[in-house]
PDB file of all heavy atoms in Angstrom:
ATOM      1  N   LEU A   1    -112.745  16.307 -38.215  1.00  0.00           N
ATOM      2  CA  LEU A   1    -111.627  17.245 -38.320  1.00  0.00           C
ATOM      3  C   LEU A   1    -110.781  17.037 -39.564  1.00  0.00           C
ATOM      4  O   LEU A   1    -110.367  18.001 -40.214  1.00  0.00           O
ATOM      5  CB  LEU A   1    -110.756  17.127 -37.065  1.00  0.00           C
ATOM      6  CG  LEU A   1    -109.511  18.014 -36.987  1.00  0.00           C
ATOM      7  CD1 LEU A   1    -109.878  19.483 -37.159  1.00  0.00           C
ATOM      8  CD2 LEU A   1    -108.796  17.790 -35.662  1.00  0.00           C
ATOM      9  N   LEU A   2    -110.502  15.780 -39.906  1.00  0.00           N
ATOM     10  CA  LEU A   2    -109.615  15.497 -41.037  1.00  0.00           C
ATOM     11  C   LEU A   2    -110.090  16.142 -42.341  1.00  0.00           C
ATOM     12  O   LEU A   2    -109.287  16.786 -43.030  1.00  0.00           O
ATOM     13  CB  LEU A   2    -109.449  13.985 -41.205  1.00  0.00           C
ATOM     14  CG  LEU A   2    -108.436  13.530 -42.261  1.00  0.00           C
ATOM     15  CD1 LEU A   2    -107.056  14.094 -41.968  1.00  0.00           C
ATOM     16  CD2 LEU A   2    -108.383  12.007 -42.325  1.00  0.00           C
ATOM     17  N   PRO A   3    -111.371  16.021 -42.736  1.00  0.00           N
ATOM     18  CA  PRO A   3    -111.805  16.672 -43.979  1.00  0.00           C
ATOM     19  C   PRO A   3    -111.628  18.194 -43.963  1.00  0.00           C
ATOM     20  O   PRO A   3    -111.290  18.795 -44.986  1.00  0.00           O
ATOM     21  CB  PRO A   3    -113.291  16.296 -44.081  1.00  0.00           C
ATOM     22  CG  PRO A   3    -113.440  15.064 -43.256  1.00  0.00           C
ATOM     23  CD  PRO A   3    -112.460  15.226 -42.131  1.00  0.00           C
ATOM     24  N   VAL A   4    -111.817  18.798 -42.802  1.00  0.00           N
ATOM     25  CA  VAL A   4    -111.643  20.253 -42.689  1.00  0.00           C
ATOM     26  C   VAL A   4    -110.208  20.644 -43.007  1.00  0.00           C
ATOM     27  O   VAL A   4    -109.951  21.575 -43.782  1.00  0.00           O
ATOM     28  CB  VAL A   4    -112.023  20.726 -41.266  1.00  0.00           C
ATOM     29  CG1 VAL A   4    -111.630  22.188 -41.057  1.00  0.00           C
ATOM     30  CG2 VAL A   4    -113.522  20.565 -41.025  1.00  0.00           C
ATOM     31  N   LEU A   5    -109.251  19.923 -42.438  1.00  0.00           N
ATOM     32  CA  LEU A   5    -107.844  20.258 -42.640  1.00  0.00           C
ATOM     33  C   LEU A   5    -107.314  19.769 -43.981  1.00  0.00           C
ATOM     34  O   LEU A   5    -106.326  20.298 -44.486  1.00  0.00           O
ATOM     35  CB  LEU A   5    -107.019  19.699 -41.488  1.00  0.00           C
ATOM     36  CG  LEU A   5    -107.306  20.360 -40.136  1.00  0.00           C
ATOM     37  CD1 LEU A   5    -106.518  19.686 -39.019  1.00  0.00           C
ATOM     38  CD2 LEU A   5    -106.988  21.849 -40.180  1.00  0.00           C
ATOM     39  N   GLN A   6    -107.965  18.783 -44.570  1.00  0.00           N
ATOM     40  CA  GLN A   6    -107.614  18.398 -45.936  1.00  0.00           C
ATOM     41  C   GLN A   6    -108.038  19.488 -46.913  1.00  0.00           C
ATOM     42  O   GLN A   6    -107.295  19.836 -47.838  1.00  0.00           O
ATOM     43  CB  GLN A   6    -108.270  17.067 -46.296  1.00  0.00           C
ATOM     44  CG  GLN A   6    -107.605  15.869 -45.639  1.00  0.00           C
ATOM     45  CD  GLN A   6    -108.344  14.569 -45.888  1.00  0.00           C
ATOM     46  OE1 GLN A   6    -109.571  14.550 -46.007  1.00  0.00           O
ATOM     47  NE2 GLN A   6    -107.616  13.466 -45.970  1.00  0.00           N
ATOM     48  N   ARG A   7    -109.231  20.042 -46.710  1.00  0.00           N
ATOM     49  CA  ARG A   7    -109.707  21.116 -47.597  1.00  0.00           C
ATOM     50  C   ARG A   7    -108.837  22.365 -47.474  1.00  0.00           C
ATOM     51  O   ARG A   7    -108.614  23.074 -48.460  1.00  0.00           O
ATOM     52  CB  ARG A   7    -111.170  21.465 -47.282  1.00  0.00           C
ATOM     53  CG  ARG A   7    -112.174  20.434 -47.757  1.00  0.00           C
ATOM     54  CD  ARG A   7    -113.587  20.981 -47.717  1.00  0.00           C
ATOM     55  NE  ARG A   7    -114.022  21.302 -46.377  1.00  0.00           N
ATOM     56  CZ  ARG A   7    -114.628  20.441 -45.562  1.00  0.00           C
ATOM     57  NH1 ARG A   7    -114.842  19.187 -45.945  1.00  0.00           N
ATOM     58  NH2 ARG A   7    -115.016  20.826 -44.350  1.00  0.00           N
ATOM     59  N   SER A   8    -108.345  22.646 -46.290  1.00  0.00           N
ATOM     60  CA  SER A   8    -107.513  23.838 -46.095  1.00  0.00           C
ATOM     61  C   SER A   8    -106.079  23.621 -46.572  1.00  0.00           C
ATOM     62  O   SER A   8    -105.293  24.572 -46.617  1.00  0.00           O
ATOM     63  CB  SER A   8    -107.508  24.237 -44.613  1.00  0.00           C
ATOM     64  OG  SER A   8    -106.805  23.275 -43.840  1.00  0.00           O
ATOM     65  N   GLY A   9    -105.732  22.372 -46.914  1.00  0.00           N
ATOM     66  CA  GLY A   9    -104.388  22.074 -47.389  1.00  0.00           C
ATOM     67  C   GLY A   9    -103.396  21.761 -46.293  1.00  0.00           C
ATOM     68  O   GLY A   9    -102.212  21.532 -46.572  1.00  0.00           O
ATOM     69  N   HIS A  10    -103.841  21.706 -45.037  1.00  0.00           N
ATOM     70  CA  HIS A  10    -102.919  21.422 -43.944  1.00  0.00           C
ATOM     71  C   HIS A  10    -102.550  19.945 -43.860  1.00  0.00           C
ATOM     72  O   HIS A  10    -101.479  19.611 -43.346  1.00  0.00           O
ATOM     73  CB  HIS A  10    -103.537  21.873 -42.615  1.00  0.00           C
ATOM     74  CG  HIS A  10    -103.549  23.349 -42.432  1.00  0.00           C
ATOM     75  ND1 HIS A  10    -104.582  24.154 -42.868  1.00  0.00           N
ATOM     76  CD2 HIS A  10    -102.632  24.186 -41.878  1.00  0.00           C
ATOM     77  CE1 HIS A  10    -104.301  25.412 -42.585  1.00  0.00           C
ATOM     78  NE2 HIS A  10    -103.138  25.464 -41.987  1.00  0.00           N
ATOM     79  N   VAL A  11    -103.422  19.074 -44.317  1.00  0.00           N
ATOM     80  CA  VAL A  11    -103.197  17.643 -44.162  1.00  0.00           C
ATOM     81  C   VAL A  11    -103.257  16.940 -45.513  1.00  0.00           C
ATOM     82  O   VAL A  11    -104.233  17.096 -46.248  1.00  0.00           O
ATOM     83  CB  VAL A  11    -104.240  17.015 -43.217  1.00  0.00           C
ATOM     84  CG1 VAL A  11    -104.076  15.497 -43.169  1.00  0.00           C
ATOM     85  CG2 VAL A  11    -104.111  17.596 -41.816  1.00  0.00           C
ATOM     86  N   VAL A  12    -102.207  16.193 -45.830  1.00  0.00           N
ATOM     87  CA  VAL A  12    -102.238  15.306 -46.996  1.00  0.00           C
ATOM     88  C   VAL A  12    -102.063  13.859 -46.547  1.00  0.00           C
ATOM     89  O   VAL A  12    -102.266  12.923 -47.310  1.00  0.00           O
ATOM     90  CB  VAL A  12    -101.141  15.680 -48.020  1.00  0.00           C
ATOM     91  CG1 VAL A  12    -101.421  17.035 -48.635  1.00  0.00           C
ATOM     92  CG2 VAL A  12     -99.755  15.660 -47.378  1.00  0.00           C
ATOM     93  N   GLY A  13    -101.683  13.667 -45.316  1.00  0.00           N
ATOM     94  CA  GLY A  13    -101.507  12.337 -44.731  1.00  0.00           C
ATOM     95  C   GLY A  13    -101.165  12.486 -43.265  1.00  0.00           C
ATOM     96  O   GLY A  13    -101.079  13.604 -42.750  1.00  0.00           O
ATOM     97  N   LEU A  14    -100.969  11.386 -42.586  1.00  0.00           N
ATOM     98  CA  LEU A  14    -100.622  11.418 -41.169  1.00  0.00           C
ATOM     99  C   LEU A  14     -99.224  10.831 -40.973  1.00  0.00           C
ATOM    100  O   LEU A  14     -98.814   9.967 -41.742  1.00  0.00           O
ATOM    101  CB  LEU A  14    -101.636  10.600 -40.363  1.00  0.00           C
ATOM    102  CG  LEU A  14    -103.074  11.104 -40.349  1.00  0.00           C
ATOM    103  CD1 LEU A  14    -103.934  10.219 -39.454  1.00  0.00           C
ATOM    104  CD2 LEU A  14    -103.162  12.549 -39.894  1.00  0.00           C
ATOM    105  N   PRO A  15     -98.503  11.322 -39.969  1.00  0.00           N
ATOM    106  CA  PRO A  15     -98.906  12.370 -39.037  1.00  0.00           C
ATOM    107  C   PRO A  15     -98.767  13.755 -39.647  1.00  0.00           C
ATOM    108  O   PRO A  15     -98.025  13.949 -40.617  1.00  0.00           O
ATOM    109  CB  PRO A  15     -97.918  12.200 -37.877  1.00  0.00           C
ATOM    110  CG  PRO A  15     -96.670  11.690 -38.558  1.00  0.00           C
ATOM    111  CD  PRO A  15     -97.159  10.778 -39.645  1.00  0.00           C
ATOM    112  N   THR A  16     -99.476  14.702 -39.064  1.00  0.00           N
ATOM    113  CA  THR A  16     -99.323  16.123 -39.381  1.00  0.00           C
ATOM    114  C   THR A  16     -99.244  16.870 -38.063  1.00  0.00           C
ATOM    115  O   THR A  16     -99.993  16.577 -37.134  1.00  0.00           O
ATOM    116  CB  THR A  16    -100.501  16.655 -40.203  1.00  0.00           C
ATOM    117  OG1 THR A  16    -100.494  16.052 -41.503  1.00  0.00           O
ATOM    118  CG2 THR A  16    -100.417  18.167 -40.372  1.00  0.00           C
ATOM    119  N   SER A  17     -98.321  17.812 -37.986  1.00  0.00           N
ATOM    120  CA  SER A  17     -98.176  18.623 -36.777  1.00  0.00           C
ATOM    121  C   SER A  17     -98.255  20.103 -37.144  1.00  0.00           C
ATOM    122  O   SER A  17     -97.623  20.540 -38.107  1.00  0.00           O
ATOM    123  CB  SER A  17     -96.841  18.340 -36.076  1.00  0.00           C
ATOM    124  OG  SER A  17     -96.772  16.987 -35.662  1.00  0.00           O
ATOM    125  N   ILE A  18     -99.034  20.847 -36.372  1.00  0.00           N
ATOM    126  CA  ILE A  18     -99.212  22.275 -36.609  1.00  0.00           C
ATOM    127  C   ILE A  18     -98.781  23.035 -35.367  1.00  0.00           C
ATOM    128  O   ILE A  18     -99.303  22.803 -34.273  1.00  0.00           O
ATOM    129  CB  ILE A  18    -100.682  22.615 -36.944  1.00  0.00           C
ATOM    130  CG1 ILE A  18    -101.181  21.777 -38.121  1.00  0.00           C
ATOM    131  CG2 ILE A  18    -100.825  24.111 -37.250  1.00  0.00           C
ATOM    132  CD1 ILE A  18    -102.681  21.896 -38.370  1.00  0.00           C
ATOM    133  N   LEU A  19     -97.822  23.919 -35.531  1.00  0.00           N
ATOM    134  CA  LEU A  19     -97.432  24.813 -34.442  1.00  0.00           C
ATOM    135  C   LEU A  19     -98.388  25.997 -34.438  1.00  0.00           C
ATOM    136  O   LEU A  19     -98.607  26.644 -35.468  1.00  0.00           O
ATOM    137  CB  LEU A  19     -95.991  25.281 -34.624  1.00  0.00           C
ATOM    138  CG  LEU A  19     -94.921  24.297 -34.125  1.00  0.00           C
ATOM    139  CD1 LEU A  19     -93.595  24.558 -34.817  1.00  0.00           C
ATOM    140  CD2 LEU A  19     -94.775  24.390 -32.611  1.00  0.00           C
ATOM    141  N   VAL A  20     -98.965  26.256 -33.279  1.00  0.00           N
ATOM    142  CA  VAL A  20     -99.997  27.279 -33.140  1.00  0.00           C
ATOM    143  C   VAL A  20     -99.540  28.286 -32.086  1.00  0.00           C
ATOM    144  O   VAL A  20     -99.138  27.910 -30.983  1.00  0.00           O
ATOM    145  CB  VAL A  20    -101.341  26.642 -32.713  1.00  0.00           C
ATOM    146  CG1 VAL A  20    -102.429  27.696 -32.580  1.00  0.00           C
ATOM    147  CG2 VAL A  20    -101.758  25.576 -33.720  1.00  0.00           C
ATOM    148  N   GLY A  21     -99.610  29.569 -32.444  1.00  0.00           N
ATOM    149  CA  GLY A  21     -99.211  30.613 -31.507  1.00  0.00           C
ATOM    150  C   GLY A  21    -100.279  30.889 -30.459  1.00  0.00           C
ATOM    151  O   GLY A  21    -101.403  30.379 -30.536  1.00  0.00           O
ATOM    152  N   PRO A  22     -99.974  31.720 -29.466  1.00  0.00           N
ATOM    153  CA  PRO A  22    -100.914  32.006 -28.386  1.00  0.00           C
ATOM    154  C   PRO A  22    -102.230  32.626 -28.851  1.00  0.00           C
ATOM    155  O   PRO A  22    -103.242  32.538 -28.147  1.00  0.00           O
ATOM    156  CB  PRO A  22    -100.142  32.986 -27.496  1.00  0.00           C
ATOM    157  CG  PRO A  22     -98.699  32.674 -27.754  1.00  0.00           C
ATOM    158  CD  PRO A  22     -98.648  32.305 -29.206  1.00  0.00           C
ATOM    159  N   THR A  23    -102.249  33.227 -30.048  1.00  0.00           N
ATOM    160  CA  THR A  23    -103.485  33.811 -30.551  1.00  0.00           C
ATOM    161  C   THR A  23    -104.354  32.787 -31.280  1.00  0.00           C
ATOM    162  O   THR A  23    -105.447  33.112 -31.736  1.00  0.00           O
ATOM    163  CB  THR A  23    -103.194  34.971 -31.523  1.00  0.00           C
ATOM    164  OG1 THR A  23    -102.517  34.462 -32.678  1.00  0.00           O
ATOM    165  CG2 THR A  23    -102.349  36.044 -30.863  1.00  0.00           C
ATOM    166  N   GLY A  24    -103.850  31.541 -31.432  1.00  0.00           N
ATOM    167  CA  GLY A  24    -104.600  30.519 -32.160  1.00  0.00           C
ATOM    168  C   GLY A  24    -104.295  30.498 -33.641  1.00  0.00           C
ATOM    169  O   GLY A  24    -105.023  29.881 -34.422  1.00  0.00           O
ATOM    170  N   CYS A  25    -103.201  31.131 -34.057  1.00  0.00           N
ATOM    171  CA  CYS A  25    -102.839  31.205 -35.474  1.00  0.00           C
ATOM    172  C   CYS A  25    -101.671  30.271 -35.788  1.00  0.00           C
ATOM    173  O   CYS A  25    -100.832  29.977 -34.929  1.00  0.00           O
ATOM    174  CB  CYS A  25    -102.468  32.638 -35.850  1.00  0.00           C
ATOM    175  SG  CYS A  25    -103.830  33.804 -35.640  1.00  0.00           S
ATOM    176  N   GLU A  26    -101.620  29.813 -37.028  1.00  0.00           N
ATOM    177  CA  GLU A  26    -100.561  28.908 -37.478  1.00  0.00           C
ATOM    178  C   GLU A  26     -99.229  29.639 -37.573  1.00  0.00           C
ATOM    179  O   GLU A  26     -99.117  30.680 -38.204  1.00  0.00           O
ATOM    180  CB  GLU A  26    -100.917  28.347 -38.854  1.00  0.00           C
ATOM    181  CG  GLU A  26     -99.840  27.492 -39.487  1.00  0.00           C
ATOM    182  CD  GLU A  26    -100.077  27.279 -40.975  1.00  0.00           C
ATOM    183  OE1 GLU A  26    -101.252  27.254 -41.397  1.00  0.00           O
ATOM    184  OE2 GLU A  26     -99.082  27.140 -41.709  1.00  0.00           O
ATOM    185  N   ILE A  27     -98.199  29.041 -36.932  1.00  0.00           N
ATOM    186  CA  ILE A  27     -96.855  29.597 -37.059  1.00  0.00           C
ATOM    187  C   ILE A  27     -95.877  28.576 -37.637  1.00  0.00           C
ATOM    188  O   ILE A  27     -94.697  28.864 -37.817  1.00  0.00           O
ATOM    189  CB  ILE A  27     -96.331  30.135 -35.709  1.00  0.00           C
ATOM    190  CG1 ILE A  27     -96.349  29.052 -34.631  1.00  0.00           C
ATOM    191  CG2 ILE A  27     -97.152  31.350 -35.263  1.00  0.00           C
ATOM    192  CD1 ILE A  27     -95.722  29.490 -33.294  1.00  0.00           C
ATOM    193  N   GLY A  28     -96.382  27.387 -37.944  1.00  0.00           N
ATOM    194  CA  GLY A  28     -95.557  26.365 -38.573  1.00  0.00           C
ATOM    195  C   GLY A  28     -96.372  25.113 -38.806  1.00  0.00           C
ATOM    196  O   GLY A  28     -97.333  24.854 -38.085  1.00  0.00           O
ATOM    197  N   VAL A  29     -96.001  24.344 -39.823  1.00  0.00           N
ATOM    198  CA  VAL A  29     -96.702  23.088 -40.094  1.00  0.00           C
ATOM    199  C   VAL A  29     -95.715  22.071 -40.649  1.00  0.00           C
ATOM    200  O   VAL A  29     -94.823  22.415 -41.433  1.00  0.00           O
ATOM    201  CB  VAL A  29     -97.890  23.300 -41.059  1.00  0.00           C
ATOM    202  CG1 VAL A  29     -97.424  23.817 -42.417  1.00  0.00           C
ATOM    203  CG2 VAL A  29     -98.709  22.020 -41.223  1.00  0.00           C
ATOM    204  N   LEU A  30     -95.862  20.841 -40.199  1.00  0.00           N
ATOM    205  CA  LEU A  30     -95.033  19.751 -40.695  1.00  0.00           C
ATOM    206  C   LEU A  30     -95.938  18.627 -41.164  1.00  0.00           C
ATOM    207  O   LEU A  30     -96.700  18.064 -40.373  1.00  0.00           O
ATOM    208  CB  LEU A  30     -94.096  19.233 -39.603  1.00  0.00           C
ATOM    209  CG  LEU A  30     -93.285  17.986 -39.960  1.00  0.00           C
ATOM    210  CD1 LEU A  30     -92.389  18.239 -41.171  1.00  0.00           C
ATOM    211  CD2 LEU A  30     -92.448  17.527 -38.783  1.00  0.00           C
ATOM    212  N   LYS A  31     -95.849  18.297 -42.438  1.00  0.00           N
ATOM    213  CA  LYS A  31     -96.628  17.198 -43.007  1.00  0.00           C
ATOM    214  C   LYS A  31     -95.744  15.965 -43.061  1.00  0.00           C
ATOM    215  O   LYS A  31     -95.049  15.726 -44.024  1.00  0.00           O
ATOM    216  CB  LYS A  31     -97.135  17.600 -44.395  1.00  0.00           C
ATOM    217  CG  LYS A  31     -98.026  18.834 -44.375  1.00  0.00           C
ATOM    218  CD  LYS A  31     -98.398  19.319 -45.772  1.00  0.00           C
ATOM    219  CE  LYS A  31     -99.234  20.582 -45.711  1.00  0.00           C
ATOM    220  NZ  LYS A  31     -99.581  21.099 -47.059  1.00  0.00           N
ATOM    221  N   GLY A  32     -95.781  15.203 -41.976  1.00  0.00           N
ATOM    222  CA  GLY A  32     -94.927  14.030 -41.862  1.00  0.00           C
ATOM    223  C   GLY A  32     -94.380  13.936 -40.451  1.00  0.00           C
ATOM    224  O   GLY A  32     -94.648  14.789 -39.603  1.00  0.00           O
ATOM    225  N   PRO A  33     -93.599  12.898 -40.177  1.00  0.00           N
ATOM    226  CA  PRO A  33     -93.065  12.695 -38.828  1.00  0.00           C
ATOM    227  C   PRO A  33     -91.809  13.518 -38.577  1.00  0.00           C
ATOM    228  O   PRO A  33     -91.169  14.019 -39.506  1.00  0.00           O
ATOM    229  CB  PRO A  33     -92.753  11.198 -38.820  1.00  0.00           C
ATOM    230  CG  PRO A  33     -92.384  10.904 -40.244  1.00  0.00           C
ATOM    231  CD  PRO A  33     -93.262  11.789 -41.087  1.00  0.00           C
ATOM    232  N   ALA A  34     -91.460  13.626 -37.306  1.00  0.00           N
ATOM    233  CA  ALA A  34     -90.211  14.292 -36.924  1.00  0.00           C
ATOM    234  C   ALA A  34     -89.748  13.717 -35.595  1.00  0.00           C
ATOM    235  O   ALA A  34     -90.529  13.125 -34.851  1.00  0.00           O
ATOM    236  CB  ALA A  34     -90.403  15.801 -36.810  1.00  0.00           C
ATOM    237  N   GLU A  35     -88.486  13.940 -35.291  1.00  0.00           N
ATOM    238  CA  GLU A  35     -87.947  13.564 -33.984  1.00  0.00           C
ATOM    239  C   GLU A  35     -88.145  14.764 -33.052  1.00  0.00           C
ATOM    240  O   GLU A  35     -87.273  15.626 -32.913  1.00  0.00           O
ATOM    241  CB  GLU A  35     -86.472  13.187 -34.117  1.00  0.00           C
ATOM    242  CG  GLU A  35     -85.807  12.784 -32.819  1.00  0.00           C
ATOM    243  CD  GLU A  35     -86.627  11.819 -31.998  1.00  0.00           C
ATOM    244  OE1 GLU A  35     -86.759  10.643 -32.408  1.00  0.00           O
ATOM    245  OE2 GLU A  35     -87.131  12.238 -30.936  1.00  0.00           O
TER     246      GLU A  35
END
């Protein structure tokens, strides 16, 4: 999985969090930690 998301630009390091809507589409992304 990691190489796939690195190629798409979603991941440059960990952690990474992706908010996904009910249709399976990206509605937000955070590259890094959060509270």
